[in-house]
């Protein structure tokens, strides 16, 4: 005998949230003609139902928190009528017991000088910024000198597998064989979040075509978060640089990830970075 785990629906909170947001939308904002004075502000339940394309009784049951089936498509329609932003829409999903969609970048929030200052503040340690497809979009001076950015390949994963300096025996990353499985598994996790994203498909197709090592690791079907990893870079001037690298996701820009590289304790990596930044290596 098997048991089915039912999603948790926060019925009182769902009811309060929908009533509150319905009361904030005027008929004019919803594109409805004015019908004189109203006893309560905002839209009527029947108006929300019509504008969302659902039955009036169904919407009333939803707002009352009754045990009814809901779909992401219908919740999106209700969210559109109630003019919910991305955070509010995801909150509606959670209250209704439906897995929330992935967050979108805040409208009008572009890569800016503030984000550049964030990674520059990590000096003298390297820091880079990747988009959701692992393309380099920014880096600080330490990353340029220590990691060889921007390099020939804009995409971090493509460069990891294709650039000769990052291949085993190529002299740049001594720990390549150890970290490669984790890197591929983390990229699969990122791609799985957006299965219809063409950008991920392009990276995967390119590497399957050009890298037997990637194809072998991709076939394992491993998936995991990257977490903190230790990687060793063999710099052509100062020799071995050893880092702990970790990631920071930005709530305002969920499509961006900041990669922080921290010199490994007990190594001379910090001193070598300081020497590189002093300009004596160029």
Protein backbone atom coordinates (compact mmCIF):
# COMPACT_ATOMS: atom_id res chain seq x y z
CA UNK A 1 0.00 0.00 0.00
CA UNK A 2 1.40 3.37 -1.01
CA UNK A 3 0.57 6.81 0.33
CA UNK A 4 0.38 10.00 -1.67
CA UNK A 5 1.87 13.16 -0.18
CA UNK A 6 -0.54 16.00 -0.88
CA UNK A 7 0.77 19.55 -1.32
CA UNK A 8 0.40 21.87 1.64
CA UNK A 9 -2.16 24.58 0.92
CA UNK A 10 -2.09 27.54 3.29
CA UNK A 11 -5.82 28.20 3.08
CA UNK A 12 -6.28 31.16 5.49
CA UNK A 13 -3.20 32.93 4.11
CA UNK A 14 -4.29 32.24 0.51
CA UNK A 15 -7.74 33.66 1.19
CA UNK A 16 -6.37 36.78 2.90
CA UNK A 17 -3.77 37.37 0.21
CA UNK A 18 -6.24 37.14 -2.70
CA UNK A 19 -8.81 39.38 -1.01
CA UNK A 20 -6.14 41.93 -0.16
CA UNK A 21 -4.73 42.09 -3.70
CA UNK A 22 -8.20 42.13 -5.28
CA UNK A 23 -9.04 45.16 -3.17
CA UNK A 24 -6.04 47.06 -4.53
CA UNK A 25 -7.06 46.89 -8.21
CA UNK A 26 -9.55 49.48 -9.43
CA UNK A 27 -11.97 48.73 -12.28
CA UNK A 28 -10.18 51.37 -14.36
CA UNK A 29 -6.82 49.62 -13.84
CA UNK A 30 -8.42 46.36 -14.98
CA UNK A 31 -9.87 48.01 -18.09
CA UNK A 32 -13.48 47.87 -16.86
CA UNK A 33 -15.99 50.70 -17.24
CA UNK A 34 -16.86 52.70 -14.14
CA UNK A 35 -20.12 51.57 -12.56
CA UNK A 36 -20.64 54.24 -9.91
CA UNK A 37 -19.93 53.95 -6.22
CA UNK A 38 -18.94 50.59 -4.73
CA UNK A 39 -19.44 49.41 -1.21
CA UNK A 40 -15.89 48.02 -1.10
CA UNK A 41 -12.78 49.11 -3.02
CA UNK A 42 -11.25 47.07 -5.77
CA UNK A 43 -12.64 44.41 -8.06
CA UNK A 44 -15.50 42.06 -7.37
CA UNK A 45 -14.84 38.32 -7.35
CA UNK A 46 -16.97 37.89 -10.48
CA UNK A 47 -14.86 40.48 -12.32
CA UNK A 48 -11.61 38.74 -11.43
CA UNK A 49 -13.09 35.44 -12.64
CA UNK A 50 -14.18 36.88 -15.99
CA UNK A 51 -10.87 38.67 -16.58
CA UNK A 52 -8.90 35.54 -15.65
CA UNK A 53 -11.05 33.27 -17.81
CA UNK A 54 -12.27 31.03 -14.99
CA UNK A 55 -15.70 30.26 -13.58
CA UNK A 56 -17.05 32.63 -10.89
CA UNK A 57 -17.75 29.74 -8.53
CA UNK A 58 -14.26 28.31 -9.03
CA UNK A 59 -12.62 31.65 -8.22
CA UNK A 60 -14.85 32.09 -5.17
CA UNK A 61 -13.76 28.66 -3.94
CA UNK A 62 -10.11 29.56 -4.60
CA UNK A 63 -10.42 32.76 -2.60
CA UNK A 64 -12.18 30.89 0.17
CA UNK A 65 -9.28 28.44 0.33
CA UNK A 66 -11.38 25.40 -0.54
CA UNK A 67 -9.87 22.07 -1.55
CA UNK A 68 -9.89 22.48 -5.34
CA UNK A 69 -7.41 21.60 -8.07
CA UNK A 70 -5.34 24.51 -9.36
CA UNK A 71 -2.87 24.69 -12.22
CA UNK A 72 0.06 27.01 -12.88
CA UNK A 73 -1.71 28.37 -15.96
CA UNK A 74 -4.79 29.43 -13.97
CA UNK A 75 -2.68 30.91 -11.19
CA UNK A 76 -0.78 32.92 -13.80
CA UNK A 77 -4.08 34.25 -15.16
CA UNK A 78 -5.21 35.30 -11.69
CA UNK A 79 -1.80 36.86 -11.02
CA UNK A 80 -2.06 38.84 -14.25
CA UNK A 81 -5.51 40.23 -13.36
CA UNK A 82 -4.36 41.14 -9.85
CA UNK A 83 -1.18 42.70 -11.26
CA UNK A 84 1.11 40.65 -9.06
CA UNK A 85 4.83 41.14 -9.52
CA UNK A 86 7.18 38.16 -9.81
CA UNK A 87 7.70 37.82 -6.05
CA UNK A 88 3.95 38.04 -5.35
CA UNK A 89 3.19 35.54 -8.10
CA UNK A 90 5.61 33.02 -6.62
CA UNK A 91 4.05 33.64 -3.20
CA UNK A 92 0.61 32.87 -4.67
CA UNK A 93 1.93 29.56 -6.02
CA UNK A 94 3.35 28.63 -2.62
CA UNK A 95 0.13 29.46 -0.78
CA UNK A 96 -1.88 27.39 -3.28
CA UNK A 97 0.42 24.38 -2.82
CA UNK A 98 1.94 24.56 -6.31
CA UNK A 99 5.69 24.57 -6.93
CA UNK A 100 6.62 28.23 -7.55
CA UNK A 101 8.19 29.14 -10.88
CA UNK A 102 11.80 30.22 -11.01
CA UNK A 103 12.30 33.91 -10.26
CA UNK A 104 12.87 36.30 -13.12
CA UNK A 105 15.26 39.21 -13.17
CA UNK A 106 13.67 42.33 -11.76
CA UNK A 107 12.32 44.50 -14.61
CA UNK A 108 14.78 47.20 -15.55
CA UNK A 109 17.52 45.78 -13.33
CA UNK A 110 20.47 45.53 -15.68
CA UNK A 111 24.08 44.72 -14.98
CA UNK A 112 25.38 47.95 -13.51
CA UNK A 113 28.33 49.68 -11.89
CA UNK A 114 27.12 48.53 -8.47
CA UNK A 115 27.59 44.88 -9.39
CA UNK A 116 31.01 45.65 -10.84
CA UNK A 117 31.95 47.33 -7.56
CA UNK A 118 30.83 44.17 -5.73
CA UNK A 119 33.39 41.98 -7.46
CA UNK A 120 36.07 44.67 -7.38
CA UNK A 121 35.63 44.87 -3.61
CA UNK A 122 36.83 41.25 -3.42
CA UNK A 123 40.32 42.36 -4.50
CA UNK A 124 43.03 41.22 -4.16
CA UNK A 125 41.19 37.92 -4.53
CA UNK A 126 39.68 36.92 -7.88
CA UNK A 127 35.94 37.27 -8.51
CA UNK A 128 33.92 36.76 -11.67
CA UNK A 129 30.29 37.04 -12.68
CA UNK A 130 28.45 34.48 -14.82
CA UNK A 131 25.05 34.60 -16.49
CA UNK A 132 22.64 31.66 -16.29
CA UNK A 133 24.40 29.91 -19.19
CA UNK A 134 27.79 30.32 -17.44
CA UNK A 135 28.99 33.04 -19.80
CA UNK A 136 31.48 35.48 -18.29
CA UNK A 137 29.93 38.93 -18.05
CA UNK A 138 32.36 40.58 -15.60
CA UNK A 139 35.54 39.98 -13.60
CA UNK A 140 37.97 41.92 -11.44
CA UNK A 141 41.61 42.60 -12.17
CA UNK A 142 42.80 39.75 -9.97
CA UNK A 143 40.70 37.28 -11.97
CA UNK A 144 42.11 38.66 -15.20
CA UNK A 145 45.68 38.15 -14.02
CA UNK A 146 45.27 34.88 -12.12
CA UNK A 147 42.67 33.07 -14.23
CA UNK A 148 43.56 34.42 -17.66
CA UNK A 149 40.23 36.12 -18.36
CA UNK A 150 38.58 36.89 -20.64
CA UNK A 151 40.35 34.16 -22.62
CA UNK A 152 39.32 32.71 -25.95
CA UNK A 153 35.97 31.32 -24.82
CA UNK A 154 33.28 33.54 -23.33
CA UNK A 155 31.51 30.55 -21.82
CA UNK A 156 33.08 29.23 -18.61
CA UNK A 157 32.15 25.59 -19.25
CA UNK A 158 33.27 25.63 -22.89
CA UNK A 159 36.59 27.16 -21.87
CA UNK A 160 36.99 24.62 -19.08
CA UNK A 161 36.79 21.72 -21.53
CA UNK A 162 38.23 23.22 -24.69
CA UNK A 163 40.91 25.71 -23.74
CA UNK A 164 44.27 23.96 -23.79
CA UNK A 165 45.39 25.78 -20.67
CA UNK A 166 42.62 24.11 -18.68
CA UNK A 167 43.10 20.56 -19.94
CA UNK A 168 44.91 17.84 -17.97
CA UNK A 169 48.61 18.21 -18.61
CA UNK A 170 48.06 21.60 -20.20
CA UNK A 171 49.52 23.29 -17.16
CA UNK A 172 46.65 25.56 -16.03
CA UNK A 173 44.40 23.44 -13.80
CA UNK A 174 46.10 20.57 -12.02
CA UNK A 175 42.87 19.53 -10.35
CA UNK A 176 40.93 19.32 -13.63
CA UNK A 177 40.17 15.59 -13.44
CA UNK A 178 38.97 15.87 -9.86
CA UNK A 179 36.60 18.80 -10.32
CA UNK A 180 35.32 18.09 -13.86
CA UNK A 181 32.55 15.66 -12.77
CA UNK A 182 31.25 18.16 -10.20
CA UNK A 183 31.32 20.98 -12.75
CA UNK A 184 29.31 19.00 -15.31
CA UNK A 185 26.80 17.84 -12.69
CA UNK A 186 26.30 21.44 -11.54
CA UNK A 187 25.73 22.61 -15.11
CA UNK A 188 23.11 19.87 -15.54
CA UNK A 189 21.38 21.17 -12.40
CA UNK A 190 21.33 24.69 -13.83
CA UNK A 191 20.04 23.49 -17.20
CA UNK A 192 17.35 21.37 -15.54
CA UNK A 193 15.85 24.49 -13.97
CA UNK A 194 15.03 25.80 -17.47
CA UNK A 195 14.59 22.76 -19.75
CA UNK A 196 13.35 24.82 -22.71
CA UNK A 197 16.15 27.39 -22.62
CA UNK A 198 17.91 27.46 -25.99
CA UNK A 199 21.08 28.94 -24.46
CA UNK A 200 21.72 25.79 -22.43
CA UNK A 201 21.05 23.61 -25.48
CA UNK A 202 23.65 25.50 -27.49
CA UNK A 203 26.37 25.01 -24.87
CA UNK A 204 25.56 21.31 -24.43
CA UNK A 205 25.41 20.65 -28.19
CA UNK A 206 28.72 22.42 -28.75
CA UNK A 207 30.52 20.43 -26.06
CA UNK A 208 29.00 17.10 -27.06
CA UNK A 209 30.34 17.76 -30.54
CA UNK A 210 33.83 18.93 -29.55
CA UNK A 211 34.73 17.31 -26.19
CA UNK A 212 34.78 13.53 -25.62
CA UNK A 213 35.52 14.20 -21.94
CA UNK A 214 32.36 16.27 -21.56
CA UNK A 215 30.29 13.71 -23.48
CA UNK A 216 31.48 10.95 -21.15
CA UNK A 217 30.64 12.94 -18.01
CA UNK A 218 27.32 14.20 -19.40
CA UNK A 219 26.24 10.61 -20.06
CA UNK A 220 26.51 9.84 -16.34
CA UNK A 221 23.32 11.87 -15.68
CA UNK A 222 24.81 13.22 -12.44
CA UNK A 223 23.17 16.33 -11.01
CA UNK A 224 24.27 18.32 -7.96
CA UNK A 225 24.91 21.81 -6.66
CA UNK A 226 28.50 22.88 -7.19
CA UNK A 227 29.06 24.05 -3.61
CA UNK A 228 32.55 24.96 -2.47
CA UNK A 229 35.29 23.33 -4.51
CA UNK A 230 39.07 23.44 -4.29
CA UNK A 231 40.83 24.03 -7.57
CA UNK A 232 44.47 24.52 -8.42
CA UNK A 233 45.65 26.77 -11.23
CA UNK A 234 49.18 26.51 -12.59
CA UNK A 235 49.92 30.10 -13.54
CA UNK A 236 52.58 30.54 -16.27
CA UNK A 237 54.50 33.11 -14.21
CA UNK A 238 53.96 32.48 -10.48
CA UNK A 239 53.21 28.76 -10.56
CA UNK A 240 50.56 26.99 -8.50
CA UNK A 241 47.60 29.03 -7.21
CA UNK A 242 45.16 27.16 -4.97
CA UNK A 243 41.64 28.45 -4.31
CA UNK A 244 38.39 27.59 -2.62
CA UNK A 245 35.66 28.81 -4.98
CA UNK A 246 32.07 29.43 -3.98
CA UNK A 247 29.01 30.98 -5.59
CA UNK A 248 26.61 33.76 -4.67
CA UNK A 249 23.18 34.10 -6.32
CA UNK A 250 21.71 37.60 -6.52
CA UNK A 251 17.99 37.87 -5.65
CA UNK A 252 17.56 40.96 -7.84
CA UNK A 253 19.32 39.21 -10.73
CA UNK A 254 18.68 35.46 -10.42
CA UNK A 255 20.22 35.02 -13.87
CA UNK A 256 23.63 36.08 -12.50
CA UNK A 257 26.04 34.20 -10.24
CA UNK A 258 29.09 35.71 -8.58
CA UNK A 259 32.07 33.36 -8.27
CA UNK A 260 34.38 34.16 -5.37
CA UNK A 261 37.88 32.66 -5.27
CA UNK A 262 39.48 32.55 -1.82
CA UNK A 263 43.19 31.62 -1.48
CA UNK A 264 43.47 28.27 0.24
CA UNK A 265 44.76 28.48 3.81
CA UNK A 266 48.30 27.24 4.25
CA UNK A 267 49.43 28.12 0.71
CA UNK A 268 51.36 31.07 -0.69
CA UNK A 269 48.54 31.97 -3.08
CA UNK A 270 47.78 35.31 -1.38
CA UNK A 271 51.39 36.45 -1.73
CA UNK A 272 51.47 35.44 -5.39
CA UNK A 273 48.24 37.33 -6.09
CA UNK A 274 49.68 40.43 -4.45
CA UNK A 275 52.76 40.13 -6.64
CA UNK A 276 50.65 39.81 -9.78
CA UNK A 277 48.55 42.84 -8.84
CA UNK A 278 51.66 44.90 -8.17
CA UNK A 279 52.25 44.93 -11.92
CA UNK A 280 55.60 43.19 -11.81
CA UNK A 281 54.28 40.28 -13.88
CA UNK A 282 53.46 42.45 -16.90
